[in-house]
Amino acid sequence: MFVNIPLTLKSVKAEMKTHIWAAGQAIKTRRKSLGLSLDDVGASLGVSKAFMSYVESNERTLTETQA
């Protein structure tokens, strides 16, 4: 059975924001479970501690290369 679900730009943006939030939270949870600091993770990815903080708070995203 085919169900037609209308997609709007607003609904797509909301869905993307939800996934980005989940990614930031997952990174933070994993980092803490491993006992790593923002500096540790940032250094391994070649980004700053501040950038990693932005990623975890969903203000920035990692590129495919960084992830």
PDB file of N, CA and C in Angstrom:
ATOM      1  N   MET A   1       0.831  -1.170   0.000  1.00  0.00           N
ATOM      2  CA  MET A   1       0.000   0.000   0.000  1.00  0.00           C
ATOM      3  C   MET A   1       0.880   1.240   0.000  1.00  0.00           C
ATOM      4  N   PHE A   2       0.625   2.151  -0.871  1.00  0.00           N
ATOM      5  CA  PHE A   2       1.401   3.379  -0.988  1.00  0.00           C
ATOM      6  C   PHE A   2       0.692   4.490  -0.236  1.00  0.00           C
ATOM      7  N   VAL A   3       1.438   5.153   0.633  1.00  0.00           N
ATOM      8  CA  VAL A   3       0.874   6.283   1.378  1.00  0.00           C
ATOM      9  C   VAL A   3       1.608   7.532   0.932  1.00  0.00           C
ATOM     10  N   ASN A   4       0.859   8.511   0.502  1.00  0.00           N
ATOM     11  CA  ASN A   4       1.454   9.762   0.057  1.00  0.00           C
ATOM     12  C   ASN A   4       1.654  10.675   1.258  1.00  0.00           C
ATOM     13  N   ILE A   5       2.916  10.900   1.630  1.00  0.00           N
ATOM     14  CA  ILE A   5       3.228  11.773   2.750  1.00  0.00           C
ATOM     15  C   ILE A   5       3.818  13.057   2.171  1.00  0.00           C
ATOM     16  N   PRO A   6       3.109  14.156   2.338  1.00  0.00           N
ATOM     17  CA  PRO A   6       3.609  15.406   1.775  1.00  0.00           C
ATOM     18  C   PRO A   6       4.863  15.872   2.503  1.00  0.00           C
ATOM     19  N   LEU A   7       5.878  16.213   1.743  1.00  0.00           N
ATOM     20  CA  LEU A   7       7.112  16.741   2.308  1.00  0.00           C
ATOM     21  C   LEU A   7       7.164  18.230   2.025  1.00  0.00           C
ATOM     22  N   THR A   8       7.453  18.963   3.040  1.00  0.00           N
ATOM     23  CA  THR A   8       7.651  20.390   2.874  1.00  0.00           C
ATOM     24  C   THR A   8       9.074  20.704   3.295  1.00  0.00           C
ATOM     25  N   LEU A   9       9.572  21.822   2.881  1.00  0.00           N
ATOM     26  CA  LEU A   9      10.915  22.228   3.277  1.00  0.00           C
ATOM     27  C   LEU A   9      10.993  22.311   4.800  1.00  0.00           C
ATOM     28  N   LYS A  10       9.943  22.807   5.415  1.00  0.00           N
ATOM     29  CA  LYS A  10       9.916  22.925   6.871  1.00  0.00           C
ATOM     30  C   LYS A  10      10.017  21.558   7.547  1.00  0.00           C
ATOM     31  N   SER A  11       9.277  20.576   7.031  1.00  0.00           N
ATOM     32  CA  SER A  11       9.311  19.246   7.648  1.00  0.00           C
ATOM     33  C   SER A  11      10.670  18.568   7.438  1.00  0.00           C
ATOM     34  N   VAL A  12      11.271  18.783   6.282  1.00  0.00           N
ATOM     35  CA  VAL A  12      12.593  18.203   6.008  1.00  0.00           C
ATOM     36  C   VAL A  12      13.642  18.833   6.923  1.00  0.00           C
ATOM     37  N   LYS A  13      13.588  20.151   7.083  1.00  0.00           N
ATOM     38  CA  LYS A  13      14.544  20.831   7.972  1.00  0.00           C
ATOM     39  C   LYS A  13      14.382  20.361   9.415  1.00  0.00           C
ATOM     40  N   ALA A  14      13.157  20.178   9.848  1.00  0.00           N
ATOM     41  CA  ALA A  14      12.912  19.702  11.209  1.00  0.00           C
ATOM     42  C   ALA A  14      13.477  18.299  11.402  1.00  0.00           C
ATOM     43  N   GLU A  15      13.296  17.446  10.407  1.00  0.00           N
ATOM     44  CA  GLU A  15      13.828  16.082  10.477  1.00  0.00           C
ATOM     45  C   GLU A  15      15.353  16.093  10.515  1.00  0.00           C
ATOM     46  N   MET A  16      15.969  16.928   9.692  1.00  0.00           N
ATOM     47  CA  MET A  16      17.430  17.028   9.682  1.00  0.00           C
ATOM     48  C   MET A  16      17.945  17.513  11.034  1.00  0.00           C
ATOM     49  N   LYS A  17      17.274  18.504  11.603  1.00  0.00           N
ATOM     50  CA  LYS A  17      17.691  19.039  12.893  1.00  0.00           C
ATOM     51  C   LYS A  17      17.627  17.960  13.967  1.00  0.00           C
ATOM     52  N   THR A  18      16.610  17.123  13.918  1.00  0.00           N
ATOM     53  CA  THR A  18      16.469  16.021  14.870  1.00  0.00           C
ATOM     54  C   THR A  18      17.640  15.059  14.753  1.00  0.00           C
ATOM     55  N   HIS A  19      18.033  14.727  13.523  1.00  0.00           N
ATOM     56  CA  HIS A  19      19.149  13.799  13.329  1.00  0.00           C
ATOM     57  C   HIS A  19      20.470  14.419  13.744  1.00  0.00           C
ATOM     58  N   ILE A  20      20.652  15.708  13.474  1.00  0.00           N
ATOM     59  CA  ILE A  20      21.885  16.387  13.884  1.00  0.00           C
ATOM     60  C   ILE A  20      21.967  16.407  15.405  1.00  0.00           C
ATOM     61  N   TRP A  21      20.835  16.692  16.068  1.00  0.00           N
ATOM     62  CA  TRP A  21      20.817  16.697  17.526  1.00  0.00           C
ATOM     63  C   TRP A  21      21.219  15.333  18.055  1.00  0.00           C
ATOM     64  N   ALA A  22      20.668  14.291  17.479  1.00  0.00           N
ATOM     65  CA  ALA A  22      20.979  12.936  17.928  1.00  0.00           C
ATOM     66  C   ALA A  22      22.461  12.629  17.736  1.00  0.00           C
ATOM     67  N   ALA A  23      23.036  13.086  16.646  1.00  0.00           N
ATOM     68  CA  ALA A  23      24.460  12.841  16.383  1.00  0.00           C
ATOM     69  C   ALA A  23      25.323  13.556  17.417  1.00  0.00           C
ATOM     70  N   GLY A  24      25.008  14.799  17.706  1.00  0.00           N
ATOM     71  CA  GLY A  24      25.775  15.556  18.701  1.00  0.00           C
ATOM     72  C   GLY A  24      25.716  14.894  20.063  1.00  0.00           C
ATOM     73  N   GLN A  25      24.531  14.450  20.450  1.00  0.00           N
ATOM     74  CA  GLN A  25      24.366  13.775  21.734  1.00  0.00           C
ATOM     75  C   GLN A  25      25.117  12.446  21.760  1.00  0.00           C
ATOM     76  N   ALA A  26      25.089  11.716  20.663  1.00  0.00           N
ATOM     77  CA  ALA A  26      25.785  10.426  20.593  1.00  0.00           C
ATOM     78  C   ALA A  26      27.294  10.617  20.713  1.00  0.00           C
ATOM     79  N   ILE A  27      27.812  11.638  20.061  1.00  0.00           N
ATOM     80  CA  ILE A  27      29.254  11.920  20.135  1.00  0.00           C
ATOM     81  C   ILE A  27      29.644  12.253  21.574  1.00  0.00           C
ATOM     82  N   LYS A  28      28.864  13.094  22.204  1.00  0.00           N
ATOM     83  CA  LYS A  28      29.165  13.502  23.581  1.00  0.00           C
ATOM     84  C   LYS A  28      29.098  12.308  24.531  1.00  0.00           C
ATOM     85  N   THR A  29      28.061  11.502  24.398  1.00  0.00           N
ATOM     86  CA  THR A  29      27.904  10.326  25.255  1.00  0.00           C
ATOM     87  C   THR A  29      29.065   9.360  25.079  1.00  0.00           C
ATOM     88  N   ARG A  30      29.438   9.109  23.832  1.00  0.00           N
ATOM     89  CA  ARG A  30      30.540   8.176  23.552  1.00  0.00           C
ATOM     90  C   ARG A  30      31.866   8.727  24.069  1.00  0.00           C
ATOM     91  N   ARG A  31      32.110  10.023  23.841  1.00  0.00           N
ATOM     92  CA  ARG A  31      33.354  10.646  24.303  1.00  0.00           C
ATOM     93  C   ARG A  31      33.480  10.504  25.814  1.00  0.00           C
ATOM     94  N   LYS A  32      32.407  10.802  26.525  1.00  0.00           N
ATOM     95  CA  LYS A  32      32.444  10.717  27.985  1.00  0.00           C
ATOM     96  C   LYS A  32      32.607   9.276  28.466  1.00  0.00           C
ATOM     97  N   SER A  33      31.960   8.335  27.778  1.00  0.00           N
ATOM     98  CA  SER A  33      32.083   6.933  28.190  1.00  0.00           C
ATOM     99  C   SER A  33      33.506   6.418  28.012  1.00  0.00           C
ATOM    100  N   LEU A  34      34.234   7.008  27.080  1.00  0.00           N
ATOM    101  CA  LEU A  34      35.626   6.622  26.852  1.00  0.00           C
ATOM    102  C   LEU A  34      36.604   7.424  27.705  1.00  0.00           C
ATOM    103  N   GLY A  35      36.075   8.368  28.470  1.00  0.00           N
ATOM    104  CA  GLY A  35      36.932   9.184  29.327  1.00  0.00           C
ATOM    105  C   GLY A  35      37.792  10.166  28.560  1.00  0.00           C
ATOM    106  N   LEU A  36      37.312  10.593  27.400  1.00  0.00           N
ATOM    107  CA  LEU A  36      38.078  11.518  26.570  1.00  0.00           C
ATOM    108  C   LEU A  36      37.601  12.951  26.757  1.00  0.00           C
ATOM    109  N   SER A  37      38.516  13.888  26.615  1.00  0.00           N
ATOM    110  CA  SER A  37      38.163  15.303  26.689  1.00  0.00           C
ATOM    111  C   SER A  37      37.833  15.824  25.286  1.00  0.00           C
ATOM    112  N   LEU A  38      37.258  17.003  25.243  1.00  0.00           N
ATOM    113  CA  LEU A  38      37.017  17.653  23.953  1.00  0.00           C
ATOM    114  C   LEU A  38      38.343  17.865  23.222  1.00  0.00           C
ATOM    115  N   ASP A  39      39.391  18.199  23.975  1.00  0.00           N
ATOM    116  CA  ASP A  39      40.726  18.363  23.379  1.00  0.00           C
ATOM    117  C   ASP A  39      41.204  17.072  22.726  1.00  0.00           C
ATOM    118  N   ASP A  40      41.005  15.941  23.406  1.00  0.00           N
ATOM    119  CA  ASP A  40      41.444  14.645  22.876  1.00  0.00           C
ATOM    120  C   ASP A  40      40.765  14.339  21.540  1.00  0.00           C
ATOM    121  N   VAL A  41      39.450  14.473  21.525  1.00  0.00           N
ATOM    122  CA  VAL A  41      38.695  14.151  20.310  1.00  0.00           C
ATOM    123  C   VAL A  41      39.015  15.153  19.212  1.00  0.00           C
ATOM    124  N   GLY A  42      39.055  16.428  19.562  1.00  0.00           N
ATOM    125  CA  GLY A  42      39.380  17.459  18.574  1.00  0.00           C
ATOM    126  C   GLY A  42      40.744  17.243  17.941  1.00  0.00           C
ATOM    127  N   ALA A  43      41.722  16.915  18.770  1.00  0.00           N
ATOM    128  CA  ALA A  43      43.075  16.688  18.254  1.00  0.00           C
ATOM    129  C   ALA A  43      43.106  15.503  17.296  1.00  0.00           C
ATOM    130  N   SER A  44      42.363  14.453  17.607  1.00  0.00           N
ATOM    131  CA  SER A  44      42.367  13.283  16.723  1.00  0.00           C
ATOM    132  C   SER A  44      41.677  13.570  15.391  1.00  0.00           C
ATOM    133  N   LEU A  45      40.774  14.552  15.384  1.00  0.00           N
ATOM    134  CA  LEU A  45      40.064  14.910  14.146  1.00  0.00           C
ATOM    135  C   LEU A  45      40.666  16.118  13.443  1.00  0.00           C
ATOM    136  N   GLY A  46      41.622  16.761  14.104  1.00  0.00           N
ATOM    137  CA  GLY A  46      42.244  17.942  13.507  1.00  0.00           C
ATOM    138  C   GLY A  46      41.390  19.193  13.619  1.00  0.00           C
ATOM    139  N   VAL A  47      40.586  19.261  14.683  1.00  0.00           N
ATOM    140  CA  VAL A  47      39.762  20.447  14.922  1.00  0.00           C
ATOM    141  C   VAL A  47      39.986  20.911  16.360  1.00  0.00           C
ATOM    142  N   SER A  48      39.514  22.095  16.669  1.00  0.00           N
ATOM    143  CA  SER A  48      39.724  22.647  18.002  1.00  0.00           C
ATOM    144  C   SER A  48      38.727  22.103  19.026  1.00  0.00           C
ATOM    145  N   LYS A  49      39.081  22.304  20.281  1.00  0.00           N
ATOM    146  CA  LYS A  49      38.187  21.955  21.388  1.00  0.00           C
ATOM    147  C   LYS A  49      36.866  22.712  21.237  1.00  0.00           C
ATOM    148  N   ALA A  50      36.959  23.989  20.877  1.00  0.00           N
ATOM    149  CA  ALA A  50      35.760  24.818  20.705  1.00  0.00           C
ATOM    150  C   ALA A  50      34.858  24.255  19.610  1.00  0.00           C
ATOM    151  N   PHE A  51      35.457  23.815  18.497  1.00  0.00           N
ATOM    152  CA  PHE A  51      34.664  23.261  17.408  1.00  0.00           C
ATOM    153  C   PHE A  51      33.934  22.007  17.866  1.00  0.00           C
ATOM    154  N   MET A  52      34.621  21.141  18.617  1.00  0.00           N
ATOM    155  CA  MET A  52      33.981  19.925  19.115  1.00  0.00           C
ATOM    156  C   MET A  52      32.835  20.259  20.061  1.00  0.00           C
ATOM    157  N   SER A  53      33.003  21.303  20.852  1.00  0.00           N
ATOM    158  CA  SER A  53      31.920  21.735  21.726  1.00  0.00           C
ATOM    159  C   SER A  53      30.708  22.166  20.904  1.00  0.00           C
ATOM    160  N   TYR A  54      30.964  22.883  19.803  1.00  0.00           N
ATOM    161  CA  TYR A  54      29.872  23.284  18.898  1.00  0.00           C
ATOM    162  C   TYR A  54      29.194  22.059  18.281  1.00  0.00           C
ATOM    163  N   VAL A  55      29.977  21.055  17.931  1.00  0.00           N
ATOM    164  CA  VAL A  55      29.411  19.825  17.343  1.00  0.00           C
ATOM    165  C   VAL A  55      28.499  19.150  18.361  1.00  0.00           C
ATOM    166  N   GLU A  56      28.974  19.006  19.578  1.00  0.00           N
ATOM    167  CA  GLU A  56      28.179  18.344  20.605  1.00  0.00           C
ATOM    168  C   GLU A  56      26.915  19.119  20.969  1.00  0.00           C
ATOM    169  N   SER A  57      26.964  20.435  20.813  1.00  0.00           N
ATOM    170  CA  SER A  57      25.780  21.246  21.115  1.00  0.00           C
ATOM    171  C   SER A  57      24.961  21.538  19.859  1.00  0.00           C
ATOM    172  N   ASN A  58      25.321  20.857  18.769  1.00  0.00           N
ATOM    173  CA  ASN A  58      24.566  20.913  17.506  1.00  0.00           C
ATOM    174  C   ASN A  58      24.582  22.270  16.821  1.00  0.00           C
ATOM    175  N   GLU A  59      25.620  23.040  17.061  1.00  0.00           N
ATOM    176  CA  GLU A  59      25.772  24.327  16.382  1.00  0.00           C
ATOM    177  C   GLU A  59      26.630  24.192  15.126  1.00  0.00           C
ATOM    178  N   ARG A  60      27.364  23.091  15.025  1.00  0.00           N
ATOM    179  CA  ARG A  60      28.181  22.779  13.856  1.00  0.00           C
ATOM    180  C   ARG A  60      28.064  21.290  13.585  1.00  0.00           C
ATOM    181  N   THR A  61      28.429  20.893  12.366  1.00  0.00           N
ATOM    182  CA  THR A  61      28.453  19.472  12.041  1.00  0.00           C
ATOM    183  C   THR A  61      29.820  19.096  11.521  1.00  0.00           C
ATOM    184  N   LEU A  62      30.163  17.832  11.674  1.00  0.00           N
ATOM    185  CA  LEU A  62      31.412  17.319  11.141  1.00  0.00           C
ATOM    186  C   LEU A  62      31.237  17.028   9.656  1.00  0.00           C
ATOM    187  N   THR A  63      32.305  17.204   8.917  1.00  0.00           N
ATOM    188  CA  THR A  63      32.259  16.829   7.509  1.00  0.00           C
ATOM    189  C   THR A  63      32.409  15.321   7.403  1.00  0.00           C
ATOM    190  N   GLU A  64      32.151  14.778   6.234  1.00  0.00           N
ATOM    191  CA  GLU A  64      32.306  13.348   6.033  1.00  0.00           C
ATOM    192  C   GLU A  64      33.733  12.908   6.294  1.00  0.00           C
ATOM    193  N   THR A  65      34.700  13.727   5.942  1.00  0.00           N
ATOM    194  CA  THR A  65      36.109  13.422   6.153  1.00  0.00           C
ATOM    195  C   THR A  65      36.428  13.371   7.634  1.00  0.00           C
ATOM    196  N   GLN A  66      35.885  14.324   8.407  1.00  0.00           N
ATOM    197  CA  GLN A  66      36.145  14.370   9.833  1.00  0.00           C
ATOM    198  C   GLN A  66      35.454  13.239  10.579  1.00  0.00           C
ATOM    199  N   ALA A  67      34.260  12.895  10.137  1.00  0.00           N
ATOM    200  CA  ALA A  67      33.507  11.837  10.813  1.00  0.00           C
ATOM    201  C   ALA A  67      34.123  10.518  10.498  1.00  0.00           C
TER     202      ALA A  67
END
